[in-house]
PDBML (XML) file of the C-alpha atoms, coordinates in Angstrom:
<?xml version="1.0" encoding="UTF-8" ?>
<PDBx:datablock datablockName="MODEL"
   xmlns:PDBx="http://pdbml.pdb.org/schema/pdbx-v50.xsd"
   xmlns:xsi="http://www.w3.org/2001/XMLSchema-instance"
   xsi:schemaLocation="http://pdbml.pdb.org/schema/pdbx-v50.xsd pdbx-v50.xsd">
   <PDBx:atom_siteCategory>
      <PDBx:atom_site id="1">
         <PDBx:B_iso_or_equiv>0.00</PDBx:B_iso_or_equiv>
         <PDBx:Cartn_x>-41.807</PDBx:Cartn_x>
         <PDBx:Cartn_y>7.894</PDBx:Cartn_y>
         <PDBx:Cartn_z>-13.179</PDBx:Cartn_z>
         <PDBx:auth_asym_id>A</PDBx:auth_asym_id>
         <PDBx:auth_atom_id>CA</PDBx:auth_atom_id>
         <PDBx:auth_comp_id>UNK</PDBx:auth_comp_id>
         <PDBx:auth_seq_id>1</PDBx:auth_seq_id>
         <PDBx:group_PDB>ATOM</PDBx:group_PDB>
         <PDBx:label_alt_id xsi:nil="true" />
         <PDBx:label_asym_id>A</PDBx:label_asym_id>
         <PDBx:label_atom_id>CA</PDBx:label_atom_id>
         <PDBx:label_comp_id>UNK</PDBx:label_comp_id>
         <PDBx:label_entity_id>1</PDBx:label_entity_id>
         <PDBx:label_seq_id>1</PDBx:label_seq_id>
         <PDBx:occupancy>1.00</PDBx:occupancy>
         <PDBx:pdbx_PDB_model_num>1</PDBx:pdbx_PDB_model_num>
         <PDBx:type_symbol>C</PDBx:type_symbol>
      </PDBx:atom_site>
      <PDBx:atom_site id="2">
         <PDBx:B_iso_or_equiv>0.00</PDBx:B_iso_or_equiv>
         <PDBx:Cartn_x>-42.267</PDBx:Cartn_x>
         <PDBx:Cartn_y>7.727</PDBx:Cartn_y>
         <PDBx:Cartn_z>-9.397</PDBx:Cartn_z>
         <PDBx:auth_asym_id>A</PDBx:auth_asym_id>
         <PDBx:auth_atom_id>CA</PDBx:auth_atom_id>
         <PDBx:auth_comp_id>UNK</PDBx:auth_comp_id>
         <PDBx:auth_seq_id>2</PDBx:auth_seq_id>
         <PDBx:group_PDB>ATOM</PDBx:group_PDB>
         <PDBx:label_alt_id xsi:nil="true" />
         <PDBx:label_asym_id>A</PDBx:label_asym_id>
         <PDBx:label_atom_id>CA</PDBx:label_atom_id>
         <PDBx:label_comp_id>UNK</PDBx:label_comp_id>
         <PDBx:label_entity_id>1</PDBx:label_entity_id>
         <PDBx:label_seq_id>2</PDBx:label_seq_id>
         <PDBx:occupancy>1.00</PDBx:occupancy>
         <PDBx:pdbx_PDB_model_num>1</PDBx:pdbx_PDB_model_num>
         <PDBx:type_symbol>C</PDBx:type_symbol>
      </PDBx:atom_site>
      <PDBx:atom_site id="3">
         <PDBx:B_iso_or_equiv>0.00</PDBx:B_iso_or_equiv>
         <PDBx:Cartn_x>-45.171</PDBx:Cartn_x>
         <PDBx:Cartn_y>10.344</PDBx:Cartn_y>
         <PDBx:Cartn_z>-9.122</PDBx:Cartn_z>
         <PDBx:auth_asym_id>A</PDBx:auth_asym_id>
         <PDBx:auth_atom_id>CA</PDBx:auth_atom_id>
         <PDBx:auth_comp_id>UNK</PDBx:auth_comp_id>
         <PDBx:auth_seq_id>3</PDBx:auth_seq_id>
         <PDBx:group_PDB>ATOM</PDBx:group_PDB>
         <PDBx:label_alt_id xsi:nil="true" />
         <PDBx:label_asym_id>A</PDBx:label_asym_id>
         <PDBx:label_atom_id>CA</PDBx:label_atom_id>
         <PDBx:label_comp_id>UNK</PDBx:label_comp_id>
         <PDBx:label_entity_id>1</PDBx:label_entity_id>
         <PDBx:label_seq_id>3</PDBx:label_seq_id>
         <PDBx:occupancy>1.00</PDBx:occupancy>
         <PDBx:pdbx_PDB_model_num>1</PDBx:pdbx_PDB_model_num>
         <PDBx:type_symbol>C</PDBx:type_symbol>
      </PDBx:atom_site>
      <PDBx:atom_site id="4">
         <PDBx:B_iso_or_equiv>0.00</PDBx:B_iso_or_equiv>
         <PDBx:Cartn_x>-46.842</PDBx:Cartn_x>
         <PDBx:Cartn_y>8.805</PDBx:Cartn_y>
         <PDBx:Cartn_z>-12.283</PDBx:Cartn_z>
         <PDBx:auth_asym_id>A</PDBx:auth_asym_id>
         <PDBx:auth_atom_id>CA</PDBx:auth_atom_id>
         <PDBx:auth_comp_id>UNK</PDBx:auth_comp_id>
         <PDBx:auth_seq_id>4</PDBx:auth_seq_id>
         <PDBx:group_PDB>ATOM</PDBx:group_PDB>
         <PDBx:label_alt_id xsi:nil="true" />
         <PDBx:label_asym_id>A</PDBx:label_asym_id>
         <PDBx:label_atom_id>CA</PDBx:label_atom_id>
         <PDBx:label_comp_id>UNK</PDBx:label_comp_id>
         <PDBx:label_entity_id>1</PDBx:label_entity_id>
         <PDBx:label_seq_id>4</PDBx:label_seq_id>
         <PDBx:occupancy>1.00</PDBx:occupancy>
         <PDBx:pdbx_PDB_model_num>1</PDBx:pdbx_PDB_model_num>
         <PDBx:type_symbol>C</PDBx:type_symbol>
      </PDBx:atom_site>
      <PDBx:atom_site id="5">
         <PDBx:B_iso_or_equiv>0.00</PDBx:B_iso_or_equiv>
         <PDBx:Cartn_x>-47.065</PDBx:Cartn_x>
         <PDBx:Cartn_y>5.605</PDBx:Cartn_y>
         <PDBx:Cartn_z>-10.327</PDBx:Cartn_z>
         <PDBx:auth_asym_id>A</PDBx:auth_asym_id>
         <PDBx:auth_atom_id>CA</PDBx:auth_atom_id>
         <PDBx:auth_comp_id>UNK</PDBx:auth_comp_id>
         <PDBx:auth_seq_id>5</PDBx:auth_seq_id>
         <PDBx:group_PDB>ATOM</PDBx:group_PDB>
         <PDBx:label_alt_id xsi:nil="true" />
         <PDBx:label_asym_id>A</PDBx:label_asym_id>
         <PDBx:label_atom_id>CA</PDBx:label_atom_id>
         <PDBx:label_comp_id>UNK</PDBx:label_comp_id>
         <PDBx:label_entity_id>1</PDBx:label_entity_id>
         <PDBx:label_seq_id>5</PDBx:label_seq_id>
         <PDBx:occupancy>1.00</PDBx:occupancy>
         <PDBx:pdbx_PDB_model_num>1</PDBx:pdbx_PDB_model_num>
         <PDBx:type_symbol>C</PDBx:type_symbol>
      </PDBx:atom_site>
      <PDBx:atom_site id="6">
         <PDBx:B_iso_or_equiv>0.00</PDBx:B_iso_or_equiv>
         <PDBx:Cartn_x>-48.222</PDBx:Cartn_x>
         <PDBx:Cartn_y>7.215</PDBx:Cartn_y>
         <PDBx:Cartn_z>-7.165</PDBx:Cartn_z>
         <PDBx:auth_asym_id>A</PDBx:auth_asym_id>
         <PDBx:auth_atom_id>CA</PDBx:auth_atom_id>
         <PDBx:auth_comp_id>UNK</PDBx:auth_comp_id>
         <PDBx:auth_seq_id>6</PDBx:auth_seq_id>
         <PDBx:group_PDB>ATOM</PDBx:group_PDB>
         <PDBx:label_alt_id xsi:nil="true" />
         <PDBx:label_asym_id>A</PDBx:label_asym_id>
         <PDBx:label_atom_id>CA</PDBx:label_atom_id>
         <PDBx:label_comp_id>UNK</PDBx:label_comp_id>
         <PDBx:label_entity_id>1</PDBx:label_entity_id>
         <PDBx:label_seq_id>6</PDBx:label_seq_id>
         <PDBx:occupancy>1.00</PDBx:occupancy>
         <PDBx:pdbx_PDB_model_num>1</PDBx:pdbx_PDB_model_num>
         <PDBx:type_symbol>C</PDBx:type_symbol>
      </PDBx:atom_site>
      <PDBx:atom_site id="7">
         <PDBx:B_iso_or_equiv>0.00</PDBx:B_iso_or_equiv>
         <PDBx:Cartn_x>-50.990</PDBx:Cartn_x>
         <PDBx:Cartn_y>8.959</PDBx:Cartn_y>
         <PDBx:Cartn_z>-9.280</PDBx:Cartn_z>
         <PDBx:auth_asym_id>A</PDBx:auth_asym_id>
         <PDBx:auth_atom_id>CA</PDBx:auth_atom_id>
         <PDBx:auth_comp_id>UNK</PDBx:auth_comp_id>
         <PDBx:auth_seq_id>7</PDBx:auth_seq_id>
         <PDBx:group_PDB>ATOM</PDBx:group_PDB>
         <PDBx:label_alt_id xsi:nil="true" />
         <PDBx:label_asym_id>A</PDBx:label_asym_id>
         <PDBx:label_atom_id>CA</PDBx:label_atom_id>
         <PDBx:label_comp_id>UNK</PDBx:label_comp_id>
         <PDBx:label_entity_id>1</PDBx:label_entity_id>
         <PDBx:label_seq_id>7</PDBx:label_seq_id>
         <PDBx:occupancy>1.00</PDBx:occupancy>
         <PDBx:pdbx_PDB_model_num>1</PDBx:pdbx_PDB_model_num>
         <PDBx:type_symbol>C</PDBx:type_symbol>
      </PDBx:atom_site>
      <PDBx:atom_site id="8">
         <PDBx:B_iso_or_equiv>0.00</PDBx:B_iso_or_equiv>
         <PDBx:Cartn_x>-52.119</PDBx:Cartn_x>
         <PDBx:Cartn_y>5.510</PDBx:Cartn_y>
         <PDBx:Cartn_z>-11.116</PDBx:Cartn_z>
         <PDBx:auth_asym_id>A</PDBx:auth_asym_id>
         <PDBx:auth_atom_id>CA</PDBx:auth_atom_id>
         <PDBx:auth_comp_id>UNK</PDBx:auth_comp_id>
         <PDBx:auth_seq_id>8</PDBx:auth_seq_id>
         <PDBx:group_PDB>ATOM</PDBx:group_PDB>
         <PDBx:label_alt_id xsi:nil="true" />
         <PDBx:label_asym_id>A</PDBx:label_asym_id>
         <PDBx:label_atom_id>CA</PDBx:label_atom_id>
         <PDBx:label_comp_id>UNK</PDBx:label_comp_id>
         <PDBx:label_entity_id>1</PDBx:label_entity_id>
         <PDBx:label_seq_id>8</PDBx:label_seq_id>
         <PDBx:occupancy>1.00</PDBx:occupancy>
         <PDBx:pdbx_PDB_model_num>1</PDBx:pdbx_PDB_model_num>
         <PDBx:type_symbol>C</PDBx:type_symbol>
      </PDBx:atom_site>
      <PDBx:atom_site id="9">
         <PDBx:B_iso_or_equiv>0.00</PDBx:B_iso_or_equiv>
         <PDBx:Cartn_x>-52.005</PDBx:Cartn_x>
         <PDBx:Cartn_y>4.198</PDBx:Cartn_y>
         <PDBx:Cartn_z>-7.719</PDBx:Cartn_z>
         <PDBx:auth_asym_id>A</PDBx:auth_asym_id>
         <PDBx:auth_atom_id>CA</PDBx:auth_atom_id>
         <PDBx:auth_comp_id>UNK</PDBx:auth_comp_id>
         <PDBx:auth_seq_id>9</PDBx:auth_seq_id>
         <PDBx:group_PDB>ATOM</PDBx:group_PDB>
         <PDBx:label_alt_id xsi:nil="true" />
         <PDBx:label_asym_id>A</PDBx:label_asym_id>
         <PDBx:label_atom_id>CA</PDBx:label_atom_id>
         <PDBx:label_comp_id>UNK</PDBx:label_comp_id>
         <PDBx:label_entity_id>1</PDBx:label_entity_id>
         <PDBx:label_seq_id>9</PDBx:label_seq_id>
         <PDBx:occupancy>1.00</PDBx:occupancy>
         <PDBx:pdbx_PDB_model_num>1</PDBx:pdbx_PDB_model_num>
         <PDBx:type_symbol>C</PDBx:type_symbol>
      </PDBx:atom_site>
      <PDBx:atom_site id="10">
         <PDBx:B_iso_or_equiv>0.00</PDBx:B_iso_or_equiv>
         <PDBx:Cartn_x>-54.435</PDBx:Cartn_x>
         <PDBx:Cartn_y>6.364</PDBx:Cartn_y>
         <PDBx:Cartn_z>-6.162</PDBx:Cartn_z>
         <PDBx:auth_asym_id>A</PDBx:auth_asym_id>
         <PDBx:auth_atom_id>CA</PDBx:auth_atom_id>
         <PDBx:auth_comp_id>UNK</PDBx:auth_comp_id>
         <PDBx:auth_seq_id>10</PDBx:auth_seq_id>
         <PDBx:group_PDB>ATOM</PDBx:group_PDB>
         <PDBx:label_alt_id xsi:nil="true" />
         <PDBx:label_asym_id>A</PDBx:label_asym_id>
         <PDBx:label_atom_id>CA</PDBx:label_atom_id>
         <PDBx:label_comp_id>UNK</PDBx:label_comp_id>
         <PDBx:label_entity_id>1</PDBx:label_entity_id>
         <PDBx:label_seq_id>10</PDBx:label_seq_id>
         <PDBx:occupancy>1.00</PDBx:occupancy>
         <PDBx:pdbx_PDB_model_num>1</PDBx:pdbx_PDB_model_num>
         <PDBx:type_symbol>C</PDBx:type_symbol>
      </PDBx:atom_site>
      <PDBx:atom_site id="11">
         <PDBx:B_iso_or_equiv>0.00</PDBx:B_iso_or_equiv>
         <PDBx:Cartn_x>-56.573</PDBx:Cartn_x>
         <PDBx:Cartn_y>6.039</PDBx:Cartn_y>
         <PDBx:Cartn_z>-8.979</PDBx:Cartn_z>
         <PDBx:auth_asym_id>A</PDBx:auth_asym_id>
         <PDBx:auth_atom_id>CA</PDBx:auth_atom_id>
         <PDBx:auth_comp_id>UNK</PDBx:auth_comp_id>
         <PDBx:auth_seq_id>11</PDBx:auth_seq_id>
         <PDBx:group_PDB>ATOM</PDBx:group_PDB>
         <PDBx:label_alt_id xsi:nil="true" />
         <PDBx:label_asym_id>A</PDBx:label_asym_id>
         <PDBx:label_atom_id>CA</PDBx:label_atom_id>
         <PDBx:label_comp_id>UNK</PDBx:label_comp_id>
         <PDBx:label_entity_id>1</PDBx:label_entity_id>
         <PDBx:label_seq_id>11</PDBx:label_seq_id>
         <PDBx:occupancy>1.00</PDBx:occupancy>
         <PDBx:pdbx_PDB_model_num>1</PDBx:pdbx_PDB_model_num>
         <PDBx:type_symbol>C</PDBx:type_symbol>
      </PDBx:atom_site>
      <PDBx:atom_site id="12">
         <PDBx:B_iso_or_equiv>0.00</PDBx:B_iso_or_equiv>
         <PDBx:Cartn_x>-57.335</PDBx:Cartn_x>
         <PDBx:Cartn_y>2.405</PDBx:Cartn_y>
         <PDBx:Cartn_z>-7.725</PDBx:Cartn_z>
         <PDBx:auth_asym_id>A</PDBx:auth_asym_id>
         <PDBx:auth_atom_id>CA</PDBx:auth_atom_id>
         <PDBx:auth_comp_id>UNK</PDBx:auth_comp_id>
         <PDBx:auth_seq_id>12</PDBx:auth_seq_id>
         <PDBx:group_PDB>ATOM</PDBx:group_PDB>
         <PDBx:label_alt_id xsi:nil="true" />
         <PDBx:label_asym_id>A</PDBx:label_asym_id>
         <PDBx:label_atom_id>CA</PDBx:label_atom_id>
         <PDBx:label_comp_id>UNK</PDBx:label_comp_id>
         <PDBx:label_entity_id>1</PDBx:label_entity_id>
         <PDBx:label_seq_id>12</PDBx:label_seq_id>
         <PDBx:occupancy>1.00</PDBx:occupancy>
         <PDBx:pdbx_PDB_model_num>1</PDBx:pdbx_PDB_model_num>
         <PDBx:type_symbol>C</PDBx:type_symbol>
      </PDBx:atom_site>
      <PDBx:atom_site id="13">
         <PDBx:B_iso_or_equiv>0.00</PDBx:B_iso_or_equiv>
         <PDBx:Cartn_x>-58.076</PDBx:Cartn_x>
         <PDBx:Cartn_y>2.695</PDBx:Cartn_y>
         <PDBx:Cartn_z>-3.973</PDBx:Cartn_z>
         <PDBx:auth_asym_id>A</PDBx:auth_asym_id>
         <PDBx:auth_atom_id>CA</PDBx:auth_atom_id>
         <PDBx:auth_comp_id>UNK</PDBx:auth_comp_id>
         <PDBx:auth_seq_id>13</PDBx:auth_seq_id>
         <PDBx:group_PDB>ATOM</PDBx:group_PDB>
         <PDBx:label_alt_id xsi:nil="true" />
         <PDBx:label_asym_id>A</PDBx:label_asym_id>
         <PDBx:label_atom_id>CA</PDBx:label_atom_id>
         <PDBx:label_comp_id>UNK</PDBx:label_comp_id>
         <PDBx:label_entity_id>1</PDBx:label_entity_id>
         <PDBx:label_seq_id>13</PDBx:label_seq_id>
         <PDBx:occupancy>1.00</PDBx:occupancy>
         <PDBx:pdbx_PDB_model_num>1</PDBx:pdbx_PDB_model_num>
         <PDBx:type_symbol>C</PDBx:type_symbol>
      </PDBx:atom_site>
      <PDBx:atom_site id="14">
         <PDBx:B_iso_or_equiv>0.00</PDBx:B_iso_or_equiv>
         <PDBx:Cartn_x>-55.318</PDBx:Cartn_x>
         <PDBx:Cartn_y>4.519</PDBx:Cartn_y>
         <PDBx:Cartn_z>-2.305</PDBx:Cartn_z>
         <PDBx:auth_asym_id>A</PDBx:auth_asym_id>
         <PDBx:auth_atom_id>CA</PDBx:auth_atom_id>
         <PDBx:auth_comp_id>UNK</PDBx:auth_comp_id>
         <PDBx:auth_seq_id>14</PDBx:auth_seq_id>
         <PDBx:group_PDB>ATOM</PDBx:group_PDB>
         <PDBx:label_alt_id xsi:nil="true" />
         <PDBx:label_asym_id>A</PDBx:label_asym_id>
         <PDBx:label_atom_id>CA</PDBx:label_atom_id>
         <PDBx:label_comp_id>UNK</PDBx:label_comp_id>
         <PDBx:label_entity_id>1</PDBx:label_entity_id>
         <PDBx:label_seq_id>14</PDBx:label_seq_id>
         <PDBx:occupancy>1.00</PDBx:occupancy>
         <PDBx:pdbx_PDB_model_num>1</PDBx:pdbx_PDB_model_num>
         <PDBx:type_symbol>C</PDBx:type_symbol>
      </PDBx:atom_site>
      <PDBx:atom_site id="15">
         <PDBx:B_iso_or_equiv>0.00</PDBx:B_iso_or_equiv>
         <PDBx:Cartn_x>-51.715</PDBx:Cartn_x>
         <PDBx:Cartn_y>4.445</PDBx:Cartn_y>
         <PDBx:Cartn_z>-1.479</PDBx:Cartn_z>
         <PDBx:auth_asym_id>A</PDBx:auth_asym_id>
         <PDBx:auth_atom_id>CA</PDBx:auth_atom_id>
         <PDBx:auth_comp_id>UNK</PDBx:auth_comp_id>
         <PDBx:auth_seq_id>15</PDBx:auth_seq_id>
         <PDBx:group_PDB>ATOM</PDBx:group_PDB>
         <PDBx:label_alt_id xsi:nil="true" />
         <PDBx:label_asym_id>A</PDBx:label_asym_id>
         <PDBx:label_atom_id>CA</PDBx:label_atom_id>
         <PDBx:label_comp_id>UNK</PDBx:label_comp_id>
         <PDBx:label_entity_id>1</PDBx:label_entity_id>
         <PDBx:label_seq_id>15</PDBx:label_seq_id>
         <PDBx:occupancy>1.00</PDBx:occupancy>
         <PDBx:pdbx_PDB_model_num>1</PDBx:pdbx_PDB_model_num>
         <PDBx:type_symbol>C</PDBx:type_symbol>
      </PDBx:atom_site>
      <PDBx:atom_site id="16">
         <PDBx:B_iso_or_equiv>0.00</PDBx:B_iso_or_equiv>
         <PDBx:Cartn_x>-51.291</PDBx:Cartn_x>
         <PDBx:Cartn_y>3.162</PDBx:Cartn_y>
         <PDBx:Cartn_z>1.853</PDBx:Cartn_z>
         <PDBx:auth_asym_id>A</PDBx:auth_asym_id>
         <PDBx:auth_atom_id>CA</PDBx:auth_atom_id>
         <PDBx:auth_comp_id>UNK</PDBx:auth_comp_id>
         <PDBx:auth_seq_id>16</PDBx:auth_seq_id>
         <PDBx:group_PDB>ATOM</PDBx:group_PDB>
         <PDBx:label_alt_id xsi:nil="true" />
         <PDBx:label_asym_id>A</PDBx:label_asym_id>
         <PDBx:label_atom_id>CA</PDBx:label_atom_id>
         <PDBx:label_comp_id>UNK</PDBx:label_comp_id>
         <PDBx:label_entity_id>1</PDBx:label_entity_id>
         <PDBx:label_seq_id>16</PDBx:label_seq_id>
         <PDBx:occupancy>1.00</PDBx:occupancy>
         <PDBx:pdbx_PDB_model_num>1</PDBx:pdbx_PDB_model_num>
         <PDBx:type_symbol>C</PDBx:type_symbol>
      </PDBx:atom_site>
      <PDBx:atom_site id="17">
         <PDBx:B_iso_or_equiv>0.00</PDBx:B_iso_or_equiv>
         <PDBx:Cartn_x>-52.068</PDBx:Cartn_x>
         <PDBx:Cartn_y>-0.620</PDBx:Cartn_y>
         <PDBx:Cartn_z>2.218</PDBx:Cartn_z>
         <PDBx:auth_asym_id>A</PDBx:auth_asym_id>
         <PDBx:auth_atom_id>CA</PDBx:auth_atom_id>
         <PDBx:auth_comp_id>UNK</PDBx:auth_comp_id>
         <PDBx:auth_seq_id>17</PDBx:auth_seq_id>
         <PDBx:group_PDB>ATOM</PDBx:group_PDB>
         <PDBx:label_alt_id xsi:nil="true" />
         <PDBx:label_asym_id>A</PDBx:label_asym_id>
         <PDBx:label_atom_id>CA</PDBx:label_atom_id>
         <PDBx:label_comp_id>UNK</PDBx:label_comp_id>
         <PDBx:label_entity_id>1</PDBx:label_entity_id>
         <PDBx:label_seq_id>17</PDBx:label_seq_id>
         <PDBx:occupancy>1.00</PDBx:occupancy>
         <PDBx:pdbx_PDB_model_num>1</PDBx:pdbx_PDB_model_num>
         <PDBx:type_symbol>C</PDBx:type_symbol>
      </PDBx:atom_site>
      <PDBx:atom_site id="18">
         <PDBx:B_iso_or_equiv>0.00</PDBx:B_iso_or_equiv>
         <PDBx:Cartn_x>-50.859</PDBx:Cartn_x>
         <PDBx:Cartn_y>-1.181</PDBx:Cartn_y>
         <PDBx:Cartn_z>-1.380</PDBx:Cartn_z>
         <PDBx:auth_asym_id>A</PDBx:auth_asym_id>
         <PDBx:auth_atom_id>CA</PDBx:auth_atom_id>
         <PDBx:auth_comp_id>UNK</PDBx:auth_comp_id>
         <PDBx:auth_seq_id>18</PDBx:auth_seq_id>
         <PDBx:group_PDB>ATOM</PDBx:group_PDB>
         <PDBx:label_alt_id xsi:nil="true" />
         <PDBx:label_asym_id>A</PDBx:label_asym_id>
         <PDBx:label_atom_id>CA</PDBx:label_atom_id>
         <PDBx:label_comp_id>UNK</PDBx:label_comp_id>
         <PDBx:label_entity_id>1</PDBx:label_entity_id>
         <PDBx:label_seq_id>18</PDBx:label_seq_id>
         <PDBx:occupancy>1.00</PDBx:occupancy>
         <PDBx:pdbx_PDB_model_num>1</PDBx:pdbx_PDB_model_num>
         <PDBx:type_symbol>C</PDBx:type_symbol>
      </PDBx:atom_site>
      <PDBx:atom_site id="19">
         <PDBx:B_iso_or_equiv>0.00</PDBx:B_iso_or_equiv>
         <PDBx:Cartn_x>-47.820</PDBx:Cartn_x>
         <PDBx:Cartn_y>0.581</PDBx:Cartn_y>
         <PDBx:Cartn_z>-1.075</PDBx:Cartn_z>
         <PDBx:auth_asym_id>A</PDBx:auth_asym_id>
         <PDBx:auth_atom_id>CA</PDBx:auth_atom_id>
         <PDBx:auth_comp_id>UNK</PDBx:auth_comp_id>
         <PDBx:auth_seq_id>19</PDBx:auth_seq_id>
         <PDBx:group_PDB>ATOM</PDBx:group_PDB>
         <PDBx:label_alt_id xsi:nil="true" />
         <PDBx:label_asym_id>A</PDBx:label_asym_id>
         <PDBx:label_atom_id>CA</PDBx:label_atom_id>
         <PDBx:label_comp_id>UNK</PDBx:label_comp_id>
         <PDBx:label_entity_id>1</PDBx:label_entity_id>
         <PDBx:label_seq_id>19</PDBx:label_seq_id>
         <PDBx:occupancy>1.00</PDBx:occupancy>
         <PDBx:pdbx_PDB_model_num>1</PDBx:pdbx_PDB_model_num>
         <PDBx:type_symbol>C</PDBx:type_symbol>
      </PDBx:atom_site>
      <PDBx:atom_site id="20">
         <PDBx:B_iso_or_equiv>0.00</PDBx:B_iso_or_equiv>
         <PDBx:Cartn_x>-45.811</PDBx:Cartn_x>
         <PDBx:Cartn_y>-1.552</PDBx:Cartn_y>
         <PDBx:Cartn_z>1.262</PDBx:Cartn_z>
         <PDBx:auth_asym_id>A</PDBx:auth_asym_id>
         <PDBx:auth_atom_id>CA</PDBx:auth_atom_id>
         <PDBx:auth_comp_id>UNK</PDBx:auth_comp_id>
         <PDBx:auth_seq_id>20</PDBx:auth_seq_id>
         <PDBx:group_PDB>ATOM</PDBx:group_PDB>
         <PDBx:label_alt_id xsi:nil="true" />
         <PDBx:label_asym_id>A</PDBx:label_asym_id>
         <PDBx:label_atom_id>CA</PDBx:label_atom_id>
         <PDBx:label_comp_id>UNK</PDBx:label_comp_id>
         <PDBx:label_entity_id>1</PDBx:label_entity_id>
         <PDBx:label_seq_id>20</PDBx:label_seq_id>
         <PDBx:occupancy>1.00</PDBx:occupancy>
         <PDBx:pdbx_PDB_model_num>1</PDBx:pdbx_PDB_model_num>
         <PDBx:type_symbol>C</PDBx:type_symbol>
      </PDBx:atom_site>
      <PDBx:atom_site id="21">
         <PDBx:B_iso_or_equiv>0.00</PDBx:B_iso_or_equiv>
         <PDBx:Cartn_x>-46.382</PDBx:Cartn_x>
         <PDBx:Cartn_y>-4.603</PDBx:Cartn_y>
         <PDBx:Cartn_z>-1.419</PDBx:Cartn_z>
         <PDBx:auth_asym_id>A</PDBx:auth_asym_id>
         <PDBx:auth_atom_id>CA</PDBx:auth_atom_id>
         <PDBx:auth_comp_id>UNK</PDBx:auth_comp_id>
         <PDBx:auth_seq_id>21</PDBx:auth_seq_id>
         <PDBx:group_PDB>ATOM</PDBx:group_PDB>
         <PDBx:label_alt_id xsi:nil="true" />
         <PDBx:label_asym_id>A</PDBx:label_asym_id>
         <PDBx:label_atom_id>CA</PDBx:label_atom_id>
         <PDBx:label_comp_id>UNK</PDBx:label_comp_id>
         <PDBx:label_entity_id>1</PDBx:label_entity_id>
         <PDBx:label_seq_id>21</PDBx:label_seq_id>
         <PDBx:occupancy>1.00</PDBx:occupancy>
         <PDBx:pdbx_PDB_model_num>1</PDBx:pdbx_PDB_model_num>
         <PDBx:type_symbol>C</PDBx:type_symbol>
      </PDBx:atom_site>
      <PDBx:atom_site id="22">
         <PDBx:B_iso_or_equiv>0.00</PDBx:B_iso_or_equiv>
         <PDBx:Cartn_x>-44.694</PDBx:Cartn_x>
         <PDBx:Cartn_y>-2.401</PDBx:Cartn_y>
         <PDBx:Cartn_z>-4.054</PDBx:Cartn_z>
         <PDBx:auth_asym_id>A</PDBx:auth_asym_id>
         <PDBx:auth_atom_id>CA</PDBx:auth_atom_id>
         <PDBx:auth_comp_id>UNK</PDBx:auth_comp_id>
         <PDBx:auth_seq_id>22</PDBx:auth_seq_id>
         <PDBx:group_PDB>ATOM</PDBx:group_PDB>
         <PDBx:label_alt_id xsi:nil="true" />
         <PDBx:label_asym_id>A</PDBx:label_asym_id>
         <PDBx:label_atom_id>CA</PDBx:label_atom_id>
         <PDBx:label_comp_id>UNK</PDBx:label_comp_id>
         <PDBx:label_entity_id>1</PDBx:label_entity_id>
         <PDBx:label_seq_id>22</PDBx:label_seq_id>
         <PDBx:occupancy>1.00</PDBx:occupancy>
         <PDBx:pdbx_PDB_model_num>1</PDBx:pdbx_PDB_model_num>
         <PDBx:type_symbol>C</PDBx:type_symbol>
      </PDBx:atom_site>
      <PDBx:atom_site id="23">
         <PDBx:B_iso_or_equiv>0.00</PDBx:B_iso_or_equiv>
         <PDBx:Cartn_x>-41.147</PDBx:Cartn_x>
         <PDBx:Cartn_y>-3.001</PDBx:Cartn_y>
         <PDBx:Cartn_z>-2.862</PDBx:Cartn_z>
         <PDBx:auth_asym_id>A</PDBx:auth_asym_id>
         <PDBx:auth_atom_id>CA</PDBx:auth_atom_id>
         <PDBx:auth_comp_id>UNK</PDBx:auth_comp_id>
         <PDBx:auth_seq_id>23</PDBx:auth_seq_id>
         <PDBx:group_PDB>ATOM</PDBx:group_PDB>
         <PDBx:label_alt_id xsi:nil="true" />
         <PDBx:label_asym_id>A</PDBx:label_asym_id>
         <PDBx:label_atom_id>CA</PDBx:label_atom_id>
         <PDBx:label_comp_id>UNK</PDBx:label_comp_id>
         <PDBx:label_entity_id>1</PDBx:label_entity_id>
         <PDBx:label_seq_id>23</PDBx:label_seq_id>
         <PDBx:occupancy>1.00</PDBx:occupancy>
         <PDBx:pdbx_PDB_model_num>1</PDBx:pdbx_PDB_model_num>
         <PDBx:type_symbol>C</PDBx:type_symbol>
      </PDBx:atom_site>
      <PDBx:atom_site id="24">
         <PDBx:B_iso_or_equiv>0.00</PDBx:B_iso_or_equiv>
         <PDBx:Cartn_x>-39.924</PDBx:Cartn_x>
         <PDBx:Cartn_y>-1.247</PDBx:Cartn_y>
         <PDBx:Cartn_z>-6.422</PDBx:Cartn_z>
         <PDBx:auth_asym_id>A</PDBx:auth_asym_id>
         <PDBx:auth_atom_id>CA</PDBx:auth_atom_id>
         <PDBx:auth_comp_id>UNK</PDBx:auth_comp_id>
         <PDBx:auth_seq_id>24</PDBx:auth_seq_id>
         <PDBx:group_PDB>ATOM</PDBx:group_PDB>
         <PDBx:label_alt_id xsi:nil="true" />
         <PDBx:label_asym_id>A</PDBx:label_asym_id>
         <PDBx:label_atom_id>CA</PDBx:label_atom_id>
         <PDBx:label_comp_id>UNK</PDBx:label_comp_id>
         <PDBx:label_entity_id>1</PDBx:label_entity_id>
         <PDBx:label_seq_id>24</PDBx:label_seq_id>
         <PDBx:occupancy>1.00</PDBx:occupancy>
         <PDBx:pdbx_PDB_model_num>1</PDBx:pdbx_PDB_model_num>
         <PDBx:type_symbol>C</PDBx:type_symbol>
      </PDBx:atom_site>
   </PDBx:atom_siteCategory>
</PDBx:datablock>
């Protein structure tokens, strides 16, 4: 589930800036 969310996140703009906002 986590890796799929990371792939979906990358499809948008990238990880770093948005990851801190996704506490779950």
